[in-house]
Amino acid sequence: METADEAGFSRTFLMISESGEAKVYGFYTLSASIIPVKELPDEYSKSSLFPFPPY
């Protein structure tokens, strides 16, 4: 199964440390639109109650 990023639905960016222990300091996701849950394939709709990607 493709991720939303691989499928082109969204892009996610991470802020991580460059040295020492790998640590995520923040992230954000950009999306051009929202897909209603009822229009998602079953493998996505079963795990989400909110539109994809969430708004």
N, C-alpha and C. Protein backbone atom coordinates (compact mmCIF):
# COMPACT_ATOMS: atom_id res chain seq x y z
N MET A 1 0.85 -1.17 0.00
CA MET A 1 0.00 0.00 0.00
C MET A 1 0.90 1.24 0.00
N GLU A 2 0.60 2.19 -0.88
CA GLU A 2 1.34 3.45 -0.94
C GLU A 2 1.00 4.36 0.23
N THR A 3 1.96 5.16 0.64
CA THR A 3 1.67 6.20 1.62
C THR A 3 1.03 7.38 0.90
N ALA A 4 0.44 8.30 1.64
CA ALA A 4 -0.16 9.49 1.04
C ALA A 4 0.90 10.30 0.29
N ASP A 5 2.11 10.34 0.82
CA ASP A 5 3.20 11.06 0.18
C ASP A 5 3.57 10.40 -1.15
N GLU A 6 3.72 9.09 -1.15
CA GLU A 6 4.07 8.35 -2.36
C GLU A 6 2.98 8.47 -3.43
N ALA A 7 1.72 8.51 -2.99
CA ALA A 7 0.60 8.62 -3.92
C ALA A 7 0.40 10.04 -4.43
N GLY A 8 1.09 11.02 -3.82
CA GLY A 8 0.97 12.40 -4.27
C GLY A 8 -0.16 13.18 -3.61
N PHE A 9 -0.78 12.61 -2.57
CA PHE A 9 -1.86 13.30 -1.86
C PHE A 9 -1.34 14.44 -0.99
N SER A 10 -0.12 14.26 -0.47
CA SER A 10 0.42 15.25 0.47
C SER A 10 1.94 15.16 0.49
N ARG A 11 2.54 16.10 1.17
CA ARG A 11 3.99 16.11 1.42
C ARG A 11 4.20 16.39 2.89
N THR A 12 5.01 15.57 3.53
CA THR A 12 5.30 15.74 4.95
C THR A 12 6.77 16.11 5.12
N PHE A 13 7.01 17.09 5.98
CA PHE A 13 8.36 17.58 6.24
C PHE A 13 8.68 17.39 7.72
N LEU A 14 9.91 16.98 8.01
CA LEU A 14 10.35 16.75 9.39
C LEU A 14 11.48 17.70 9.76
N MET A 15 11.50 18.10 11.03
CA MET A 15 12.65 18.81 11.58
C MET A 15 13.31 17.83 12.54
N ILE A 16 14.53 17.40 12.22
CA ILE A 16 15.22 16.40 13.02
C ILE A 16 16.59 16.93 13.45
N SER A 17 17.15 16.30 14.48
CA SER A 17 18.49 16.67 14.92
C SER A 17 19.52 16.16 13.92
N GLU A 18 20.60 16.90 13.76
CA GLU A 18 21.65 16.48 12.82
C GLU A 18 22.74 15.68 13.51
N SER A 19 22.82 15.78 14.81
CA SER A 19 23.87 15.04 15.51
C SER A 19 23.27 14.38 16.75
N GLY A 20 24.00 13.42 17.26
CA GLY A 20 23.53 12.72 18.45
C GLY A 20 22.37 11.80 18.14
N GLU A 21 21.57 11.57 19.15
CA GLU A 21 20.41 10.67 19.01
C GLU A 21 19.40 11.25 18.03
N ALA A 22 18.89 10.41 17.14
CA ALA A 22 17.86 10.85 16.18
C ALA A 22 16.62 11.27 16.94
N LYS A 23 16.19 12.51 16.73
CA LYS A 23 15.03 13.02 17.44
C LYS A 23 14.22 13.93 16.51
N VAL A 24 12.92 13.73 16.48
CA VAL A 24 12.04 14.58 15.68
C VAL A 24 11.63 15.77 16.55
N TYR A 25 11.89 16.99 16.05
CA TYR A 25 11.53 18.21 16.78
C TYR A 25 10.22 18.80 16.30
N GLY A 26 9.81 18.45 15.10
CA GLY A 26 8.55 18.96 14.58
C GLY A 26 8.29 18.40 13.19
N PHE A 27 7.06 18.56 12.73
CA PHE A 27 6.70 18.13 11.38
C PHE A 27 5.49 18.93 10.92
N TYR A 28 5.30 18.97 9.61
CA TYR A 28 4.07 19.51 9.06
C TYR A 28 3.78 18.83 7.74
N THR A 29 2.53 18.83 7.36
CA THR A 29 2.09 18.20 6.12
C THR A 29 1.33 19.21 5.29
N LEU A 30 1.63 19.25 4.01
CA LEU A 30 0.91 20.09 3.07
C LEU A 30 0.02 19.22 2.20
N SER A 31 -1.19 19.69 1.97
CA SER A 31 -2.13 18.95 1.15
C SER A 31 -2.94 19.93 0.32
N ALA A 32 -3.18 19.57 -0.92
CA ALA A 32 -3.94 20.44 -1.83
C ALA A 32 -5.44 20.28 -1.64
N SER A 33 -5.87 19.20 -1.03
CA SER A 33 -7.30 18.98 -0.89
C SER A 33 -7.58 17.99 0.23
N ILE A 34 -8.85 17.77 0.48
CA ILE A 34 -9.30 16.79 1.48
C ILE A 34 -10.14 15.75 0.77
N ILE A 35 -9.95 14.51 1.13
CA ILE A 35 -10.73 13.41 0.57
C ILE A 35 -11.67 12.91 1.66
N PRO A 36 -13.01 13.00 1.44
CA PRO A 36 -13.94 12.49 2.46
C PRO A 36 -13.71 11.00 2.73
N VAL A 37 -13.88 10.59 3.98
CA VAL A 37 -13.64 9.21 4.38
C VAL A 37 -14.42 8.23 3.52
N LYS A 38 -15.66 8.54 3.18
CA LYS A 38 -16.48 7.60 2.40
C LYS A 38 -15.92 7.35 1.00
N GLU A 39 -15.00 8.21 0.53
CA GLU A 39 -14.40 8.03 -0.79
C GLU A 39 -13.04 7.34 -0.74
N LEU A 40 -12.55 7.02 0.45
CA LEU A 40 -11.27 6.35 0.60
C LEU A 40 -11.40 4.85 0.37
N PRO A 41 -10.33 4.21 -0.11
CA PRO A 41 -10.33 2.74 -0.17
C PRO A 41 -10.48 2.17 1.24
N ASP A 42 -11.01 0.97 1.35
CA ASP A 42 -11.28 0.35 2.65
C ASP A 42 -10.07 0.34 3.58
N GLU A 43 -8.86 0.08 3.05
CA GLU A 43 -7.69 -0.01 3.93
C GLU A 43 -7.37 1.32 4.61
N TYR A 44 -7.80 2.44 4.05
CA TYR A 44 -7.61 3.75 4.68
C TYR A 44 -8.81 4.14 5.54
N SER A 45 -10.01 3.90 5.06
CA SER A 45 -11.21 4.38 5.75
C SER A 45 -11.44 3.68 7.08
N LYS A 46 -11.00 2.45 7.23
CA LYS A 46 -11.19 1.72 8.48
C LYS A 46 -10.35 2.29 9.62
N SER A 47 -9.24 2.96 9.29
CA SER A 47 -8.35 3.46 10.33
C SER A 47 -8.52 4.96 10.60
N SER A 48 -9.47 5.60 9.93
CA SER A 48 -9.61 7.05 10.08
C SER A 48 -11.08 7.45 10.18
N LEU A 49 -11.36 8.34 11.12
CA LEU A 49 -12.71 8.89 11.25
C LEU A 49 -12.79 10.27 10.62
N PHE A 50 -11.65 10.81 10.22
CA PHE A 50 -11.56 12.17 9.71
C PHE A 50 -11.21 12.16 8.23
N PRO A 51 -11.52 13.24 7.52
CA PRO A 51 -11.12 13.32 6.11
C PRO A 51 -9.60 13.11 5.97
N PHE A 52 -9.18 12.72 4.81
CA PHE A 52 -7.77 12.41 4.57
C PHE A 52 -7.21 13.38 3.57
N PRO A 53 -6.15 14.04 3.80
CA PRO A 53 -5.49 14.16 5.10
C PRO A 53 -6.32 15.01 6.05
N PRO A 54 -6.09 14.87 7.36
CA PRO A 54 -6.88 15.65 8.32
C PRO A 54 -6.69 17.14 8.13
N TYR A 55 -7.70 17.89 8.44
CA TYR A 55 -7.62 19.34 8.30
C TYR A 55 -7.72 20.02 9.63
